[in-house]
Protein backbone atom coordinates (compact mmCIF):
# COMPACT_ATOMS: atom_id res chain seq x y z
CA UNK A 1 117.05 84.64 80.38
CA UNK A 2 120.21 84.26 78.43
CA UNK A 3 123.44 85.37 80.02
CA UNK A 4 125.77 87.35 77.80
CA UNK A 5 129.50 86.77 77.67
CA UNK A 6 129.88 89.03 80.68
CA UNK A 7 127.24 87.35 82.81
CA UNK A 8 124.50 90.04 82.19
CA UNK A 9 121.09 88.41 81.70
CA UNK A 10 119.15 89.45 78.70
CA UNK A 11 115.40 89.14 79.04
CA UNK A 12 112.65 88.53 76.53
CA UNK A 13 109.43 90.43 77.15
CA UNK A 14 107.78 87.21 78.48
CA UNK A 15 110.58 86.43 80.84
CA UNK A 16 110.52 89.91 82.23
CA UNK A 17 106.82 89.92 82.67
CA UNK A 18 106.97 86.51 84.34
CA UNK A 19 109.45 87.91 86.92
CA UNK A 20 107.18 90.82 88.06
CA UNK A 21 105.25 88.68 90.61
CA UNK A 22 108.59 87.54 92.05
CA UNK A 23 110.11 91.07 92.40
CA UNK A 24 107.06 93.22 93.16
CA UNK A 25 107.04 92.49 96.85
CA UNK A 26 110.62 93.56 97.21
CA UNK A 27 110.06 96.63 94.97
CA UNK A 28 107.08 97.53 97.15
CA UNK A 29 109.24 97.31 100.21
CA UNK A 30 111.84 99.46 98.53
CA UNK A 31 109.33 102.20 97.73
CA UNK A 32 107.93 102.08 101.23
CA UNK A 33 111.45 102.33 102.77
CA UNK A 34 112.18 105.41 100.61
CA UNK A 35 108.96 106.94 101.75
CA UNK A 36 110.05 106.31 105.42
CA UNK A 37 113.43 107.98 104.64
CA UNK A 38 111.73 111.00 103.10
CA UNK A 39 109.37 111.22 106.15
CA UNK A 40 112.36 110.98 108.53
CA UNK A 41 114.28 113.69 106.71
CA UNK A 42 111.30 115.96 106.71
CA UNK A 43 110.55 115.31 110.39
CA UNK A 44 114.11 115.95 111.46
CA UNK A 45 114.28 119.04 109.33
CA UNK A 46 111.10 120.29 111.01
CA UNK A 47 112.17 119.52 114.45
CA UNK A 48 115.60 121.14 114.11
CA UNK A 49 114.47 124.13 111.97
CA UNK A 50 117.03 123.29 109.30
CA UNK A 51 116.33 123.26 105.61
CA UNK A 52 116.15 119.85 103.97
CA UNK A 53 119.27 120.66 101.90
CA UNK A 54 121.25 121.83 104.90
CA UNK A 55 124.58 119.95 105.34
CA UNK A 56 124.00 120.16 109.11
CA UNK A 57 120.82 118.03 108.83
CA UNK A 58 123.01 114.80 108.26
CA UNK A 59 124.40 114.90 111.81
CA UNK A 60 120.94 115.23 113.30
CA UNK A 61 119.72 112.29 111.17
CA UNK A 62 122.78 110.17 112.07
CA UNK A 63 122.15 110.95 115.77
CA UNK A 64 118.60 109.64 115.52
CA UNK A 65 120.04 106.35 114.07
CA UNK A 66 116.93 105.60 111.92
CA UNK A 67 118.10 106.58 108.45
CA UNK A 68 121.19 104.41 108.48
CA UNK A 69 118.86 101.47 109.24
CA UNK A 70 116.45 102.46 106.46
CA UNK A 71 119.26 102.85 103.98
CA UNK A 72 120.46 99.29 104.77
CA UNK A 73 116.92 98.03 104.27
CA UNK A 74 116.90 99.84 100.81
CA UNK A 75 120.33 98.32 99.89
CA UNK A 76 119.00 94.82 100.97
CA UNK A 77 115.95 95.13 98.77
CA UNK A 78 117.91 96.44 95.76
CA UNK A 79 120.28 93.46 96.11
CA UNK A 80 117.23 91.09 96.20
CA UNK A 81 115.93 92.62 92.92
CA UNK A 82 119.41 92.74 91.23
CA UNK A 83 119.90 88.97 91.95
CA UNK A 84 117.31 88.19 89.25
CA UNK A 85 119.23 90.18 86.60
CA UNK A 86 117.13 93.27 86.73
CA UNK A 87 118.38 96.83 87.39
CA UNK A 88 117.01 99.19 89.92
CA UNK A 89 117.14 102.60 88.16
CA UNK A 90 114.78 104.66 90.29
CA UNK A 91 114.43 103.09 93.76
CA UNK A 92 112.30 105.90 95.21
CA UNK A 93 109.67 105.46 92.39
CA UNK A 94 110.21 101.68 91.87
CA UNK A 95 111.69 101.97 88.44
CA UNK A 96 112.95 98.61 87.34
CA UNK A 97 114.73 97.86 84.06
CA UNK A 98 115.34 94.48 82.36
CA UNK A 99 118.16 94.27 79.92
CA UNK A 100 116.95 93.12 76.54
CA UNK A 101 118.81 92.59 73.19
CA UNK A 102 117.07 94.39 70.23
CA UNK A 103 118.62 94.82 66.84
CA UNK A 104 122.05 94.10 68.26
CA UNK A 105 121.63 96.80 70.86
CA UNK A 106 121.11 96.35 74.61
CA UNK A 107 118.04 98.27 75.60
CA UNK A 108 115.84 98.16 78.70
CA UNK A 109 112.40 96.80 79.10
CA UNK A 110 111.10 99.19 81.77
CA UNK A 111 108.40 98.82 84.49
CA UNK A 112 107.41 101.21 87.21
CA UNK A 113 105.97 99.98 90.56
CA UNK A 114 102.06 100.20 90.21
CA UNK A 115 101.94 99.42 86.49
CA UNK A 116 100.06 96.18 85.70
CA UNK A 117 102.77 94.74 83.47
CA UNK A 118 105.77 95.70 81.27
CA UNK A 119 104.49 97.85 78.38
CA UNK A 120 107.54 100.11 77.63
CA UNK A 121 111.19 100.12 76.66
CA UNK A 122 113.98 102.64 76.25
CA UNK A 123 117.52 102.84 75.08
CA UNK A 124 119.90 103.03 77.99
CA UNK A 125 121.07 106.66 77.55
CA UNK A 126 117.44 107.87 77.08
CA UNK A 127 116.30 106.73 80.51
CA UNK A 128 112.69 106.66 81.79
CA UNK A 129 111.99 109.87 79.92
CA UNK A 130 112.73 108.12 76.60
CA UNK A 131 110.22 105.29 77.23
CA UNK A 132 108.49 103.98 74.07
CA UNK A 133 105.57 101.56 73.85
CA UNK A 134 106.17 97.85 73.11
CA UNK A 135 104.66 96.40 70.10
CA UNK A 136 103.03 92.91 69.94
CA UNK A 137 103.30 92.63 66.28
CA UNK A 138 106.20 93.06 63.85
CA UNK A 139 107.05 96.75 63.33
CA UNK A 140 106.97 98.40 59.89
CA UNK A 141 110.45 99.03 58.42
CA UNK A 142 112.27 101.84 60.19
CA UNK A 143 110.13 101.59 63.38
CA UNK A 144 112.35 101.26 66.38
CA UNK A 145 109.89 99.94 68.99
CA UNK A 146 110.61 96.66 70.60
CA UNK A 147 108.19 93.83 69.94
């Protein structure tokens, strides 16, 4: 991983893939924590008769004291992933991006919790919806897939 002038790490495909076993347990914990948060919100909404999007629900959640602890767990997990230079871009789904320099542009190699390895990339403004497959060989002229 090579730091850029501003301290941001740039990953090669191999470096990003090698980091997956290190971050996967923390990403798994993050996804599980968000499932617990969702369950707590739904249970509180059900027990109070409030809609999930009701502004009054927050007070009931706060009174139970569980969600603040869960959010702290989520923040801790995110920090543990970020320390490696990755970006958590979808904590509930376990979406992790790895900055990569491609054709003088910073793009993201992207991985979703549950995928076997990193097989996609996207330009930063395109997000997960703009994922493109990686290529293992040199692309033909004009092809914009990362290899």
